[in-house]
PDB file of N, CA and C in Angstrom:
ATOM      1  N   MET A   1     -32.261  -9.305   0.060  1.00  0.00           N
ATOM      2  CA  MET A   1     -31.168  -9.043  -0.051  1.00  0.00           C
ATOM      3  C   MET A   1     -30.374  -9.246   1.675  1.00  0.00           C
ATOM      4  N   SER A   2     -28.782  -8.798   1.695  1.00  0.00           N
ATOM      5  CA  SER A   2     -28.330  -8.562   3.299  1.00  0.00           C
ATOM      6  C   SER A   2     -28.197  -7.392   3.460  1.00  0.00           C
ATOM      7  N   ASP A   3     -28.471  -6.977   4.994  1.00  0.00           N
ATOM      8  CA  ASP A   3     -27.860  -5.228   5.669  1.00  0.00           C
ATOM      9  C   ASP A   3     -26.619  -5.361   4.857  1.00  0.00           C
ATOM     10  N   GLU A   4     -25.840  -6.494   5.034  1.00  0.00           N
ATOM     11  CA  GLU A   4     -24.305  -6.016   4.268  1.00  0.00           C
ATOM     12  C   GLU A   4     -24.088  -5.575   3.438  1.00  0.00           C
ATOM     13  N   GLN A   5     -24.912  -5.955   2.299  1.00  0.00           N
ATOM     14  CA  GLN A   5     -25.159  -5.437   0.604  1.00  0.00           C
ATOM     15  C   GLN A   5     -25.532  -4.224   0.141  1.00  0.00           C
ATOM     16  N   LYS A   6     -26.776  -4.770   1.385  1.00  0.00           N
ATOM     17  CA  LYS A   6     -27.420  -2.888   1.190  1.00  0.00           C
ATOM     18  C   LYS A   6     -26.621  -2.702   1.391  1.00  0.00           C
ATOM     19  N   THR A   7     -25.087  -1.667   2.062  1.00  0.00           N
ATOM     20  CA  THR A   7     -24.868  -1.070   2.555  1.00  0.00           C
ATOM     21  C   THR A   7     -23.206  -0.507   2.310  1.00  0.00           C
ATOM     22  N   ASN A   8     -22.833  -1.357   1.079  1.00  0.00           N
ATOM     23  CA  ASN A   8     -21.904  -1.459  -0.484  1.00  0.00           C
ATOM     24  C   ASN A   8     -21.026  -2.331   0.809  1.00  0.00           C
ATOM     25  N   GLY A   9     -20.975  -3.456   1.706  1.00  0.00           N
ATOM     26  CA  GLY A   9     -20.313  -4.031   2.072  1.00  0.00           C
ATOM     27  C   GLY A   9     -20.360  -3.710   3.650  1.00  0.00           C
ATOM     28  N   PRO A  10     -19.355  -4.160   4.290  1.00  0.00           N
ATOM     29  CA  PRO A  10     -18.844  -4.704   5.939  1.00  0.00           C
ATOM     30  C   PRO A  10     -18.568  -3.019   5.761  1.00  0.00           C
ATOM     31  N   GLN A  11     -19.090  -2.618   7.259  1.00  0.00           N
ATOM     32  CA  GLN A  11     -18.819  -0.509   7.624  1.00  0.00           C
ATOM     33  C   GLN A  11     -18.154  -1.848   9.451  1.00  0.00           C
ATOM     34  N   PRO A  12     -17.246  -0.363   9.411  1.00  0.00           N
ATOM     35  CA  PRO A  12     -16.971  -0.815  10.464  1.00  0.00           C
ATOM     36  C   PRO A  12     -17.247   0.084  11.556  1.00  0.00           C
ATOM     37  N   GLU A  13     -17.061  -1.457  12.942  1.00  0.00           N
ATOM     38  CA  GLU A  13     -17.758  -0.762  14.509  1.00  0.00           C
ATOM     39  C   GLU A  13     -17.677   0.724  14.681  1.00  0.00           C
ATOM     40  N   ASP A  14     -18.277   0.957  15.855  1.00  0.00           N
ATOM     41  CA  ASP A  14     -17.984   2.314  16.108  1.00  0.00           C
ATOM     42  C   ASP A  14     -17.240   2.185  17.235  1.00  0.00           C
ATOM     43  N   ASP A  15     -16.491   1.338  17.851  1.00  0.00           N
ATOM     44  CA  ASP A  15     -14.778   1.359  18.271  1.00  0.00           C
ATOM     45  C   ASP A  15     -13.842   1.192  17.549  1.00  0.00           C
ATOM     46  N   GLU A  16     -14.212   0.708  16.181  1.00  0.00           N
ATOM     47  CA  GLU A  16     -12.729   0.955  15.044  1.00  0.00           C
ATOM     48  C   GLU A  16     -12.867   2.321  14.528  1.00  0.00           C
ATOM     49  N   LEU A  17     -13.548   3.047  14.665  1.00  0.00           N
ATOM     50  CA  LEU A  17     -14.078   4.344  14.331  1.00  0.00           C
ATOM     51  C   LEU A  17     -13.208   5.130  15.393  1.00  0.00           C
ATOM     52  N   SER A  18     -13.587   5.436  16.724  1.00  0.00           N
ATOM     53  CA  SER A  18     -12.889   5.852  17.766  1.00  0.00           C
ATOM     54  C   SER A  18     -11.916   5.015  18.877  1.00  0.00           C
ATOM     55  N   GLY A  19     -11.371   4.260  17.740  1.00  0.00           N
ATOM     56  CA  GLY A  19      -9.792   4.088  17.738  1.00  0.00           C
ATOM     57  C   GLY A  19      -8.946   5.323  17.481  1.00  0.00           C
ATOM     58  N   TRP A  20      -8.347   5.119  15.878  1.00  0.00           N
ATOM     59  CA  TRP A  20      -8.100   6.849  15.999  1.00  0.00           C
ATOM     60  C   TRP A  20      -7.959   7.714  16.710  1.00  0.00           C
ATOM     61  N   SER A  21      -9.445   8.323  16.084  1.00  0.00           N
ATOM     62  CA  SER A  21      -9.791   9.444  16.682  1.00  0.00           C
ATOM     63  C   SER A  21      -9.082   9.475  18.446  1.00  0.00           C
ATOM     64  N   SER A  22      -9.308   8.381  19.505  1.00  0.00           N
ATOM     65  CA  SER A  22      -9.258   8.831  21.179  1.00  0.00           C
ATOM     66  C   SER A  22      -7.611   9.188  20.523  1.00  0.00           C
ATOM     67  N   HIS A  23      -6.425   9.075  20.303  1.00  0.00           N
ATOM     68  CA  HIS A  23      -5.715   9.441  20.459  1.00  0.00           C
ATOM     69  C   HIS A  23      -5.251  11.110  19.954  1.00  0.00           C
ATOM     70  N   LEU A  24      -6.123  11.762  19.175  1.00  0.00           N
ATOM     71  CA  LEU A  24      -6.115  13.312  19.101  1.00  0.00           C
ATOM     72  C   LEU A  24      -6.697  13.926  19.839  1.00  0.00           C
ATOM     73  N   VAL A  25      -6.076  15.072  19.903  1.00  0.00           N
ATOM     74  CA  VAL A  25      -6.274  16.365  21.300  1.00  0.00           C
ATOM     75  C   VAL A  25      -7.223  17.217  20.366  1.00  0.00           C
ATOM     76  N   GLU A  26      -8.263  18.046  20.446  1.00  0.00           N
ATOM     77  CA  GLU A  26      -8.298  18.881  19.760  1.00  0.00           C
ATOM     78  C   GLU A  26      -7.795  20.043  20.381  1.00  0.00           C
ATOM     79  N   GLY A  27      -7.495  21.263  19.280  1.00  0.00           N
ATOM     80  CA  GLY A  27      -7.312  22.193  19.074  1.00  0.00           C
ATOM     81  C   GLY A  27      -5.894  22.165  19.566  1.00  0.00           C
ATOM     82  N   GLU A  28      -5.110  20.837  19.673  1.00  0.00           N
ATOM     83  CA  GLU A  28      -3.304  20.565  19.512  1.00  0.00           C
ATOM     84  C   GLU A  28      -3.037  19.401  18.254  1.00  0.00           C
ATOM     85  N   ASP A  29      -4.095  18.359  17.926  1.00  0.00           N
ATOM     86  CA  ASP A  29      -3.373  17.322  16.802  1.00  0.00           C
ATOM     87  C   ASP A  29      -5.169  18.248  15.366  1.00  0.00           C
ATOM     88  N   TYR A  30      -6.152  18.873  15.794  1.00  0.00           N
ATOM     89  CA  TYR A  30      -7.368  18.869  14.812  1.00  0.00           C
ATOM     90  C   TYR A  30      -8.209  20.084  15.688  1.00  0.00           C
ATOM     91  N   TYR A  31      -8.706  21.213  14.139  1.00  0.00           N
ATOM     92  CA  TYR A  31      -9.887  21.682  15.221  1.00  0.00           C
ATOM     93  C   TYR A  31     -10.771  21.442  14.094  1.00  0.00           C
ATOM     94  N   ILE A  32     -12.407  22.095  14.553  1.00  0.00           N
ATOM     95  CA  ILE A  32     -13.750  21.366  13.493  1.00  0.00           C
ATOM     96  C   ILE A  32     -13.671  22.974  12.777  1.00  0.00           C
ATOM     97  N   GLU A  33     -13.491  22.963  11.798  1.00  0.00           N
ATOM     98  CA  GLU A  33     -14.687  24.012  11.168  1.00  0.00           C
ATOM     99  C   GLU A  33     -15.679  23.687   9.801  1.00  0.00           C
ATOM    100  N   ASP A  34     -16.701  24.457   9.529  1.00  0.00           N
ATOM    101  CA  ASP A  34     -17.766  23.878   9.117  1.00  0.00           C
ATOM    102  C   ASP A  34     -17.645  22.723   9.416  1.00  0.00           C
ATOM    103  N   GLY A  35     -17.528  21.795  10.546  1.00  0.00           N
ATOM    104  CA  GLY A  35     -18.143  20.514  10.695  1.00  0.00           C
ATOM    105  C   GLY A  35     -16.789  19.662   9.977  1.00  0.00           C
ATOM    106  N   LYS A  36     -16.044  20.495   9.460  1.00  0.00           N
ATOM    107  CA  LYS A  36     -14.715  19.160   9.320  1.00  0.00           C
ATOM    108  C   LYS A  36     -13.959  19.244   9.691  1.00  0.00           C
ATOM    109  N   MET A  37     -12.572  17.974  10.062  1.00  0.00           N
ATOM    110  CA  MET A  37     -11.501  18.348  10.700  1.00  0.00           C
ATOM    111  C   MET A  37     -11.043  18.376   9.752  1.00  0.00           C
ATOM    112  N   VAL A  38     -10.104  19.769  10.575  1.00  0.00           N
ATOM    113  CA  VAL A  38      -8.274  19.682   9.615  1.00  0.00           C
ATOM    114  C   VAL A  38      -7.670  20.059  10.939  1.00  0.00           C
ATOM    115  N   PHE A  39      -6.336  19.188  10.296  1.00  0.00           N
ATOM    116  CA  PHE A  39      -5.453  19.017  10.552  1.00  0.00           C
ATOM    117  C   PHE A  39      -4.408  19.895  11.613  1.00  0.00           C
ATOM    118  N   THR A  40      -3.203  20.069  11.892  1.00  0.00           N
ATOM    119  CA  THR A  40      -2.962  21.607  12.943  1.00  0.00           C
ATOM    120  C   THR A  40      -2.028  20.781  12.123  1.00  0.00           C
ATOM    121  N   GLU A  41      -0.643  22.021  11.531  1.00  0.00           N
ATOM    122  CA  GLU A  41       0.585  21.323  10.850  1.00  0.00           C
ATOM    123  C   GLU A  41       1.462  20.579  12.312  1.00  0.00           C
ATOM    124  N   ALA A  42       0.878  21.081  13.706  1.00  0.00           N
ATOM    125  CA  ALA A  42       2.032  20.579  14.755  1.00  0.00           C
ATOM    126  C   ALA A  42       1.544  18.304  14.038  1.00  0.00           C
ATOM    127  N   TYR A  43       0.227  18.374  14.391  1.00  0.00           N
ATOM    128  CA  TYR A  43       0.418  16.931  14.398  1.00  0.00           C
ATOM    129  C   TYR A  43       0.740  16.320  13.271  1.00  0.00           C
ATOM    130  N   LEU A  44       0.263  17.176  11.782  1.00  0.00           N
ATOM    131  CA  LEU A  44       0.852  16.482  10.688  1.00  0.00           C
ATOM    132  C   LEU A  44       2.889  16.380  10.683  1.00  0.00           C
ATOM    133  N   ARG A  45       2.929  17.393  11.045  1.00  0.00           N
ATOM    134  CA  ARG A  45       4.477  17.197  11.113  1.00  0.00           C
ATOM    135  C   ARG A  45       4.850  16.136  11.790  1.00  0.00           C
ATOM    136  N   ARG A  46       3.972  15.918  13.380  1.00  0.00           N
ATOM    137  CA  ARG A  46       4.581  14.511  13.999  1.00  0.00           C
ATOM    138  C   ARG A  46       4.114  13.258  13.030  1.00  0.00           C
ATOM    139  N   ARG A  47       2.781  13.088  11.957  1.00  0.00           N
ATOM    140  CA  ARG A  47       2.558  12.105  11.028  1.00  0.00           C
ATOM    141  C   ARG A  47       3.868  11.644  10.710  1.00  0.00           C
ATOM    142  N   GLY A  48       4.667  12.526  10.182  1.00  0.00           N
ATOM    143  CA  GLY A  48       5.733  12.370   9.426  1.00  0.00           C
ATOM    144  C   GLY A  48       5.736  12.197   7.723  1.00  0.00           C
ATOM    145  N   THR A  49       4.985  12.115   7.219  1.00  0.00           N
ATOM    146  CA  THR A  49       4.690  11.995   5.399  1.00  0.00           C
ATOM    147  C   THR A  49       3.395  12.929   5.139  1.00  0.00           C
ATOM    148  N   CYS A  50       3.600  12.920   4.084  1.00  0.00           N
ATOM    149  CA  CYS A  50       2.519  13.836   3.193  1.00  0.00           C
ATOM    150  C   CYS A  50       1.718  13.194   2.574  1.00  0.00           C
ATOM    151  N   CYS A  51       0.314  13.209   2.991  1.00  0.00           N
ATOM    152  CA  CYS A  51      -0.435  11.760   2.136  1.00  0.00           C
ATOM    153  C   CYS A  51      -1.459  12.676   1.069  1.00  0.00           C
ATOM    154  N   HIS A  52      -0.836  13.658   0.832  1.00  0.00           N
ATOM    155  CA  HIS A  52      -0.721  14.392  -0.933  1.00  0.00           C
ATOM    156  C   HIS A  52      -2.694  14.862  -1.102  1.00  0.00           C
ATOM    157  N   SER A  53      -2.843  15.411   0.420  1.00  0.00           N
ATOM    158  CA  SER A  53      -4.817  15.145   0.622  1.00  0.00           C
ATOM    159  C   SER A  53      -4.882  16.768   0.405  1.00  0.00           C
ATOM    160  N   GLY A  54      -3.508  17.756  -0.062  1.00  0.00           N
ATOM    161  CA  GLY A  54      -4.347  18.790   0.239  1.00  0.00           C
ATOM    162  C   GLY A  54      -4.686  19.517   0.929  1.00  0.00           C
ATOM    163  N   CYS A  55      -4.120  19.248   2.348  1.00  0.00           N
ATOM    164  CA  CYS A  55      -4.167  19.932   4.204  1.00  0.00           C
ATOM    165  C   CYS A  55      -4.073  21.628   3.953  1.00  0.00           C
ATOM    166  N   ARG A  56      -4.311  21.982   4.656  1.00  0.00           N
ATOM    167  CA  ARG A  56      -4.599  23.105   4.251  1.00  0.00           C
ATOM    168  C   ARG A  56      -2.696  23.752   5.367  1.00  0.00           C
ATOM    169  N   HIS A  57      -3.051  22.995   6.781  1.00  0.00           N
ATOM    170  CA  HIS A  57      -1.231  23.651   7.276  1.00  0.00           C
ATOM    171  C   HIS A  57      -0.604  21.952   7.265  1.00  0.00           C
ATOM    172  N   CYS A  58      -0.145  21.964   5.444  1.00  0.00           N
ATOM    173  CA  CYS A  58       0.568  21.115   4.655  1.00  0.00           C
ATOM    174  C   CYS A  58       2.408  21.767   5.374  1.00  0.00           C
ATOM    175  N   PRO A  59       2.951  21.095   5.992  1.00  0.00           N
ATOM    176  CA  PRO A  59       4.081  21.586   6.500  1.00  0.00           C
ATOM    177  C   PRO A  59       5.476  21.229   5.513  1.00  0.00           C
ATOM    178  N   TYR A  60       5.060  20.472   4.119  1.00  0.00           N
ATOM    179  CA  TYR A  60       5.620  19.216   2.826  1.00  0.00           C
ATOM    180  C   TYR A  60       5.344  20.373   1.502  1.00  0.00           C
ATOM    181  N   GLY A  61       4.641  21.302   1.896  1.00  0.00           N
ATOM    182  CA  GLY A  61       4.400  22.185   0.585  1.00  0.00           C
ATOM    183  C   GLY A  61       3.179  21.453  -0.623  1.00  0.00           C
ATOM    184  N   GLU A  62       2.445  20.769  -0.080  1.00  0.00           N
ATOM    185  CA  GLU A  62       1.644  19.650  -0.532  1.00  0.00           C
ATOM    186  C   GLU A  62       0.494  20.873  -1.046  1.00  0.00           C
ATOM    187  N   ALA A  63      -0.341  21.503  -0.227  1.00  0.00           N
ATOM    188  CA  ALA A  63      -1.589  22.453  -0.170  1.00  0.00           C
ATOM    189  C   ALA A  63      -1.086  23.444  -1.174  1.00  0.00           C
ATOM    190  N   SER A  64      -0.762  23.941  -1.528  1.00  0.00           N
ATOM    191  CA  SER A  64       0.185  24.942  -2.435  1.00  0.00           C
ATOM    192  C   SER A  64      -0.126  24.296  -3.446  1.00  0.00           C
ATOM    193  N   THR A  65       0.926  23.378  -3.611  1.00  0.00           N
ATOM    194  CA  THR A  65       0.847  22.322  -5.365  1.00  0.00           C
ATOM    195  C   THR A  65      -0.974  21.516  -5.579  1.00  0.00           C
ATOM    196  N   GLN A  66      -1.617  21.498  -4.804  1.00  0.00           N
ATOM    197  CA  GLN A  66      -3.125  21.001  -4.556  1.00  0.00           C
ATOM    198  C   GLN A  66      -4.279  22.643  -5.154  1.00  0.00           C
ATOM    199  N   LYS A  67      -3.736  23.352  -4.540  1.00  0.00           N
ATOM    200  CA  LYS A  67      -4.339  24.923  -5.215  1.00  0.00           C
ATOM    201  C   LYS A  67      -3.907  24.992  -6.396  1.00  0.00           C
ATOM    202  N   ALA A  68      -3.120  25.162  -7.047  1.00  0.00           N
ATOM    203  CA  ALA A  68      -2.065  25.745  -8.294  1.00  0.00           C
ATOM    204  C   ALA A  68      -3.337  24.714  -9.103  1.00  0.00           C
ATOM    205  N   ARG A  69      -3.263  22.920  -9.085  1.00  0.00           N
ATOM    206  CA  ARG A  69      -4.041  22.583  -9.727  1.00  0.00           C
ATOM    207  C   ARG A  69      -5.242  22.909 -11.008  1.00  0.00           C
TER     208      ARG A  69
END
């Protein structure tokens, strides 16, 4: 069995993962709470659309919808 098969398919390279996060500013776009990245309302507004993940600071009303389910 190849290394790729052992890891359930191809894995992203380290530089691929750091590419998107290098554009985010901690404290402005997100903060870390209990080891998790929490996006700010300002970042989510700039993003422009709801991702339907129930983000805590969702400016589109989705977070309250997720909690009610």
